[in-house]
Amino acid sequence: MLKLVRLALTAAILTAIAVRLRRRAGMPGRRPEPAAVRPARGPRMGLVWAAIAAIVVVALAAALIPTEAQEASAAGWRAYQDEQAAMTATPGDPATPRPTASGSVPAFTPARTPAEIPDPNCSPALRPVTVRPIDRKVGRAVGRQWRRIERWLKVNAPRTYRTLGDPGRARTIAVAESQMGVDFPDDLRASLLRHNGSKGRSVFGFWYYGLHALSIREIRDAWRSLCSWQRTDLGTDPATEYWNGRMIPFLYFEMRDSSYSEYAVVDSAGGAVGWDDTISGMSPRLPSTYALLRAVADALERGKEIDGWRPAVKRGVLRWDDGNP
């Protein structure tokens, strides 16, 4: 529109200059005519200026009145904006455009992406070191399953039996709980008090061959490492996340082809045991540490499977066979 206005004004100015130059071109070399015979020029010049004004008015009118093509283009642009707003907006979102009184939809402003939320379980509040008693029934039940495992290992896999860790200390568990801000379930504490990790390949190797059972201090250190590497909360269900600070890593496997590590964990909220099966991700596999110990004892004594693996012994070492040649 501004371009047309400039063209109209330029045309008017050039027309006026041309008329003026034409008048001046005929003036030198001619004697002034008497007033009686000199034709009147006033009306002629008035017509010229009127024509110039008409040109300007017509140009301005053409610039200000939209053509059908311009109207169609504007309508198409408004329809495109409405479509994009409808596709991007979320119902109930303050940023969702709403029709105005005239029925038009204002330009859509997308909502800002929410910032990552730090995992509060990885930044626990300070708490005193308190040695908590273990429920006697739970302690006896855990001890019973460990005795079944120990008897079988002594007879069938003595080399694996010798890798079982020494008994842990209740105060060491209490210190770890204080520093991690979580309470170890009673059955996990009872298990650590009987065998504080393993010195080599763990009896729980059905999850991964070469698995290592963590000691109490190693559990705390692994928890700190995982929290420092992945300390954002991505949802309300820890099973859908790679890591959540309320988890307690107690079994460890270092992948042979990389520097990455995998862990089996105990959920401090409820005590469920979970590990990554490389298919469905980290999720609960057994309801408790006690259930894990009982499943291992049954598998050793009766040849039962655990997650598709059966126990086997080679040269005094317990191995787990998945049935593949």
Protein backbone atom coordinates (compact mmCIF):
# COMPACT_ATOMS: atom_id res chain seq x y z
CA MET A 1 0.00 0.00 0.00
CA LEU A 2 2.78 2.44 0.88
CA LYS A 3 4.45 1.64 -2.41
CA LEU A 4 1.34 2.69 -4.37
CA VAL A 5 1.06 5.93 -2.40
CA ARG A 6 4.68 6.77 -3.14
CA LEU A 7 4.14 6.06 -6.85
CA ALA A 8 1.06 8.33 -6.95
CA LEU A 9 2.85 11.21 -5.24
CA THR A 10 5.87 10.79 -7.50
CA ALA A 11 3.65 10.88 -10.59
CA ALA A 12 1.92 14.04 -9.41
CA ILE A 13 5.20 15.80 -8.67
CA LEU A 14 6.71 14.82 -12.03
CA THR A 15 3.58 16.04 -13.85
CA ALA A 16 3.76 19.41 -12.09
CA ILE A 17 7.47 19.77 -12.91
CA ALA A 18 6.84 18.90 -16.56
CA VAL A 19 4.10 21.53 -16.87
CA ARG A 20 6.27 24.14 -15.23
CA LEU A 21 9.23 23.41 -17.51
CA ARG A 22 7.02 23.55 -20.57
CA ARG A 23 5.84 27.02 -19.63
CA ARG A 24 9.35 28.25 -19.04
CA ALA A 25 10.56 26.79 -22.34
CA GLY A 26 8.32 29.16 -24.36
CA MET A 27 9.05 32.34 -22.42
CA PRO A 28 12.60 33.45 -23.60
CA GLY A 29 12.83 35.17 -27.04
CA ARG A 30 9.25 36.26 -27.13
CA ARG A 31 8.10 39.70 -26.37
CA PRO A 32 5.39 40.10 -23.86
CA GLU A 33 2.05 40.32 -25.54
CA PRO A 34 -0.30 43.07 -24.69
CA ALA A 35 -2.67 42.20 -21.97
CA ALA A 36 -5.56 42.58 -24.33
CA VAL A 37 -4.34 39.87 -26.72
CA ARG A 38 -2.57 37.56 -24.15
CA PRO A 39 -4.84 34.57 -23.49
CA ALA A 40 -5.99 33.96 -19.99
CA ARG A 41 -3.97 31.14 -18.38
CA GLY A 42 -5.67 30.89 -15.04
CA PRO A 43 -8.41 28.43 -16.02
CA ARG A 44 -5.93 26.20 -17.91
CA MET A 45 -3.59 25.83 -14.96
CA GLY A 46 -6.51 25.15 -12.67
CA LEU A 47 -7.48 22.20 -14.85
CA VAL A 48 -3.91 20.86 -14.69
CA TRP A 49 -3.77 21.00 -10.91
CA ALA A 50 -7.24 19.46 -10.70
CA ALA A 51 -6.04 16.57 -12.86
CA ILE A 52 -3.01 16.08 -10.60
CA ALA A 53 -5.22 16.02 -7.52
CA ALA A 54 -7.52 13.50 -9.19
CA ILE A 55 -4.55 11.23 -9.94
CA VAL A 56 -3.46 11.35 -6.28
CA VAL A 57 -6.98 10.60 -5.02
CA VAL A 58 -7.42 7.67 -7.38
CA ALA A 59 -4.03 6.21 -6.39
CA LEU A 60 -4.79 6.53 -2.68
CA ALA A 61 -8.22 4.93 -3.11
CA ALA A 62 -6.71 2.02 -5.02
CA ALA A 63 -4.14 1.53 -2.28
CA LEU A 64 -6.57 1.69 0.62
CA ILE A 65 -9.39 -0.46 -0.82
CA PRO A 66 -8.34 -4.17 -0.60
CA THR A 67 -8.73 -6.28 -3.67
CA GLU A 68 -10.41 -9.69 -3.69
CA ALA A 69 -7.01 -11.37 -3.81
CA GLN A 70 -5.85 -9.43 -0.76
CA GLU A 71 -9.01 -10.33 1.16
CA ALA A 72 -8.64 -14.00 0.24
CA SER A 73 -5.00 -13.97 1.33
CA ALA A 74 -5.86 -12.38 4.68
CA ALA A 75 -8.68 -14.87 5.29
CA GLY A 76 -6.36 -17.75 4.48
CA TRP A 77 -3.75 -16.49 6.95
CA ARG A 78 -6.34 -16.16 9.71
CA ALA A 79 -7.57 -19.70 9.04
CA TYR A 80 -3.98 -21.01 9.22
CA GLN A 81 -3.42 -19.28 12.59
CA ASP A 82 -6.66 -20.77 13.96
CA GLU A 83 -5.69 -24.26 12.79
CA GLN A 84 -2.24 -24.05 14.37
CA ALA A 85 -3.73 -22.80 17.63
CA ALA A 86 -6.25 -25.65 17.72
CA MET A 87 -3.51 -28.26 17.07
CA THR A 88 -1.07 -26.93 19.67
CA ALA A 89 -3.34 -25.75 22.46
CA THR A 90 -4.22 -27.89 25.46
CA PRO A 91 -7.78 -27.78 26.85
CA GLY A 92 -7.84 -25.82 30.07
CA ASP A 93 -4.38 -24.38 29.46
CA PRO A 94 -4.21 -20.62 30.21
CA ALA A 95 -2.34 -20.20 26.93
CA THR A 96 -5.23 -21.73 24.91
CA PRO A 97 -6.79 -19.05 22.66
CA ARG A 98 -10.45 -18.24 23.24
CA PRO A 99 -12.88 -16.57 20.82
CA THR A 100 -13.41 -12.86 21.39
CA ALA A 101 -16.75 -11.07 21.30
CA SER A 102 -16.48 -10.70 17.53
CA GLY A 103 -15.83 -14.43 17.11
CA SER A 104 -12.21 -14.10 16.01
CA VAL A 105 -9.39 -16.07 17.66
CA PRO A 106 -6.33 -14.14 18.89
CA ALA A 107 -2.86 -15.21 17.94
CA PHE A 108 -1.76 -18.32 19.87
CA THR A 109 1.18 -18.09 22.26
CA PRO A 110 2.59 -21.55 23.06
CA ALA A 111 3.09 -22.38 26.73
CA ARG A 112 6.64 -22.64 28.02
CA THR A 113 8.08 -26.09 28.55
CA PRO A 114 8.18 -26.83 32.29
CA ALA A 115 11.63 -27.09 33.81
CA GLU A 116 12.93 -30.44 34.99
CA ILE A 117 11.95 -31.16 38.58
CA PRO A 118 14.81 -32.20 40.89
CA ASP A 119 14.23 -35.59 42.53
CA PRO A 120 13.58 -34.76 46.20
CA ASN A 121 14.63 -38.29 47.19
CA CYS A 122 18.18 -37.51 46.02
CA SER A 123 18.42 -34.51 48.39
CA PRO A 124 17.22 -35.93 51.72
CA ALA A 125 17.00 -33.85 54.89
CA LEU A 126 19.49 -34.52 57.64
CA ARG A 127 18.33 -37.18 60.09
CA PRO A 128 19.92 -38.76 63.15
CA VAL A 129 21.62 -42.14 63.04
CA THR A 130 19.15 -44.53 64.64
CA VAL A 131 19.53 -48.30 64.91
CA ARG A 132 16.03 -49.65 64.40
CA PRO A 133 14.96 -53.11 65.63
CA ILE A 134 14.02 -55.75 63.05
CA ASP A 135 10.74 -57.56 63.31
CA ARG A 136 11.55 -60.97 64.82
CA LYS A 137 9.29 -62.91 62.47
CA VAL A 138 10.94 -61.27 59.46
CA GLY A 139 14.42 -61.93 60.86
CA ARG A 140 13.65 -65.62 61.44
CA ALA A 141 12.10 -66.04 57.99
CA VAL A 142 15.11 -64.46 56.25
CA GLY A 143 17.53 -66.57 58.31
CA ARG A 144 15.64 -69.74 57.37
CA GLN A 145 15.97 -69.07 53.62
CA TRP A 146 19.68 -68.21 53.95
CA ARG A 147 20.32 -71.51 55.77
CA ARG A 148 18.71 -73.43 52.90
CA ILE A 149 20.95 -71.59 50.40
CA GLU A 150 24.09 -72.10 52.49
CA ARG A 151 23.52 -75.84 52.94
CA TRP A 152 23.07 -76.38 49.21
CA LEU A 153 26.13 -74.31 48.30
CA LYS A 154 28.37 -76.15 50.81
CA VAL A 155 27.55 -79.48 49.19
CA ASN A 156 27.20 -78.55 45.52
CA ALA A 157 29.05 -75.26 44.90
CA PRO A 158 31.66 -74.77 47.63
CA ARG A 159 33.58 -72.15 45.68
CA THR A 160 30.47 -69.96 45.47
CA TYR A 161 29.76 -70.58 49.14
CA ARG A 162 33.13 -69.08 50.02
CA THR A 163 32.19 -65.84 48.22
CA LEU A 164 29.38 -65.07 50.68
CA GLY A 165 30.13 -61.92 52.65
CA ASP A 166 30.67 -61.73 56.38
CA PRO A 167 27.81 -60.52 58.62
CA GLY A 168 27.09 -56.79 58.46
CA ARG A 169 26.61 -54.40 61.37
CA ALA A 170 23.34 -52.79 62.41
CA ARG A 171 24.97 -49.39 63.02
CA THR A 172 26.55 -49.39 59.55
CA ILE A 173 23.06 -49.87 58.11
CA ALA A 174 21.74 -47.05 60.30
CA VAL A 175 24.47 -44.69 59.04
CA ALA A 176 23.65 -45.54 55.42
CA GLU A 177 19.95 -44.95 56.06
CA SER A 178 20.72 -41.57 57.61
CA GLN A 179 22.90 -40.47 54.71
CA MET A 180 20.52 -41.76 52.00
CA GLY A 181 17.36 -40.56 53.69
CA VAL A 182 15.58 -43.91 53.26
CA ASP A 183 14.64 -46.78 55.55
CA PHE A 184 15.93 -50.20 54.48
CA PRO A 185 13.08 -52.75 54.66
CA ASP A 186 13.42 -55.25 57.51
CA ASP A 187 14.06 -58.24 55.24
CA LEU A 188 16.86 -56.40 53.40
CA ARG A 189 18.48 -55.43 56.70
CA ALA A 190 18.18 -58.99 58.01
CA SER A 191 19.84 -60.28 54.84
CA LEU A 192 22.71 -57.77 55.10
CA LEU A 193 23.24 -58.66 58.77
CA ARG A 194 23.78 -62.30 57.72
CA HIS A 195 25.87 -61.65 54.57
CA ASN A 196 27.18 -58.16 53.89
CA GLY A 197 27.47 -58.45 50.12
CA SER A 198 29.67 -60.94 48.30
CA LYS A 199 33.36 -61.33 47.55
CA GLY A 200 32.82 -62.49 43.99
CA ARG A 201 30.03 -63.78 41.80
CA SER A 202 26.86 -63.67 43.79
CA VAL A 203 24.37 -66.45 44.38
CA PHE A 204 21.85 -64.10 42.74
CA GLY A 205 23.62 -64.40 39.37
CA PHE A 206 20.45 -65.44 37.55
CA TRP A 207 19.85 -61.74 36.83
CA TYR A 208 23.24 -61.39 35.08
CA TYR A 209 26.15 -63.82 35.06
CA GLY A 210 28.97 -62.35 37.12
CA LEU A 211 26.60 -60.40 39.37
CA HIS A 212 28.07 -58.86 42.52
CA ALA A 213 26.10 -58.40 45.77
CA LEU A 214 26.86 -54.96 47.28
CA SER A 215 27.96 -54.42 50.85
CA ILE A 216 26.25 -51.76 52.99
CA ARG A 217 28.83 -49.08 52.18
CA GLU A 218 28.79 -50.05 48.50
CA ILE A 219 25.00 -49.65 48.50
CA ARG A 220 25.38 -46.11 49.84
CA ASP A 221 28.12 -45.23 47.33
CA ALA A 222 26.12 -46.63 44.39
CA TRP A 223 23.07 -44.65 45.52
CA ARG A 224 25.12 -41.45 45.64
CA SER A 225 26.58 -42.10 42.20
CA LEU A 226 23.18 -42.73 40.63
CA CYS A 227 21.68 -39.64 42.29
CA SER A 228 24.55 -37.44 41.06
CA TRP A 229 24.13 -38.73 37.51
CA GLN A 230 20.32 -38.79 37.29
CA ARG A 231 18.79 -36.44 39.83
CA THR A 232 15.64 -35.28 38.03
CA ASP A 233 12.13 -36.53 38.72
CA LEU A 234 10.42 -37.51 35.45
CA GLY A 235 7.17 -38.89 36.79
CA THR A 236 5.19 -40.25 39.70
CA ASP A 237 5.97 -43.94 39.04
CA PRO A 238 9.61 -44.87 39.76
CA ALA A 239 9.20 -48.03 37.65
CA THR A 240 9.01 -45.83 34.53
CA GLU A 241 12.26 -44.04 35.36
CA TYR A 242 15.83 -45.22 35.01
CA TRP A 243 16.50 -44.05 38.54
CA ASN A 244 14.66 -42.66 41.56
CA GLY A 245 16.34 -41.72 44.83
CA ARG A 246 13.96 -43.79 46.92
CA MET A 247 15.46 -46.96 45.43
CA ILE A 248 18.19 -48.98 47.17
CA PRO A 249 20.69 -50.61 44.77
CA PHE A 250 21.87 -53.92 46.26
CA LEU A 251 23.05 -56.02 43.27
CA TYR A 252 25.49 -54.77 40.66
CA PHE A 253 26.57 -55.86 37.19
CA GLU A 254 29.21 -54.07 35.14
CA MET A 255 28.54 -54.53 31.45
CA ARG A 256 31.52 -56.06 29.70
CA ASP A 257 31.30 -53.99 26.51
CA SER A 258 30.99 -50.51 28.04
CA SER A 259 31.48 -48.44 31.15
CA TYR A 260 27.76 -48.58 31.99
CA SER A 261 26.51 -50.39 35.08
CA GLU A 262 23.19 -52.02 35.89
CA TYR A 263 21.63 -52.52 39.29
CA ALA A 264 18.93 -54.54 40.93
CA VAL A 265 17.10 -52.40 43.47
CA VAL A 266 14.81 -52.61 46.46
CA ASP A 267 12.05 -50.02 46.61
CA SER A 268 12.20 -48.42 50.06
CA ALA A 269 8.45 -47.71 49.72
CA GLY A 270 7.03 -51.21 50.00
CA GLY A 271 10.15 -53.36 49.60
CA ALA A 272 9.58 -54.69 46.06
CA VAL A 273 12.66 -55.99 44.23
CA GLY A 274 13.21 -54.96 40.61
CA TRP A 275 15.78 -55.24 37.86
CA ASP A 276 16.07 -54.45 34.16
CA ASP A 277 15.39 -57.46 31.94
CA THR A 278 16.51 -55.47 28.80
CA ILE A 279 12.96 -55.83 27.39
CA SER A 280 10.43 -54.15 29.66
CA GLY A 281 12.91 -52.00 31.56
CA MET A 282 13.24 -51.57 35.30
CA SER A 283 10.14 -52.87 37.03
CA PRO A 284 9.22 -54.93 40.09
CA ARG A 285 10.05 -58.64 39.63
CA LEU A 286 9.46 -59.96 43.15
CA PRO A 287 7.49 -58.52 46.07
CA SER A 288 10.34 -58.46 48.60
CA THR A 289 13.90 -59.44 49.47
CA TYR A 290 12.51 -62.40 51.40
CA ALA A 291 10.66 -63.56 48.25
CA LEU A 292 13.94 -63.30 46.31
CA LEU A 293 15.80 -65.43 48.88
CA ARG A 294 13.02 -68.03 48.91
CA ALA A 295 12.95 -68.18 45.08
CA VAL A 296 16.72 -68.79 45.02
CA ALA A 297 16.48 -71.49 47.72
CA ASP A 298 13.65 -73.26 45.87
CA ALA A 299 15.56 -73.08 42.59
CA LEU A 300 18.68 -74.60 44.15
CA GLU A 301 16.89 -77.40 46.03
CA ARG A 302 14.22 -78.24 43.44
CA GLY A 303 15.71 -77.07 40.15
CA LYS A 304 13.06 -74.39 39.62
CA GLU A 305 13.46 -71.51 37.23
CA ILE A 306 13.85 -67.88 38.20
CA ASP A 307 12.98 -65.49 35.41
CA GLY A 308 13.79 -68.21 32.87
CA TRP A 309 17.11 -69.30 34.44
CA ARG A 310 17.97 -72.63 36.10
CA PRO A 311 20.89 -73.31 38.48
CA ALA A 312 23.89 -75.32 37.27
CA VAL A 313 27.29 -76.03 38.76
CA LYS A 314 30.65 -76.10 37.01
CA ARG A 315 33.86 -76.84 38.93
CA GLY A 316 32.28 -75.90 42.24
CA VAL A 317 30.89 -72.61 40.96
CA LEU A 318 27.17 -71.87 40.78
CA ARG A 319 26.09 -70.78 37.32
CA TRP A 320 22.65 -70.02 35.91
CA ASP A 321 21.61 -71.58 32.60
CA ASP A 322 19.02 -69.88 30.40
CA GLY A 323 18.60 -72.98 28.24
CA ASN A 324 20.55 -71.61 25.27
CA PRO A 325 23.40 -73.78 23.93
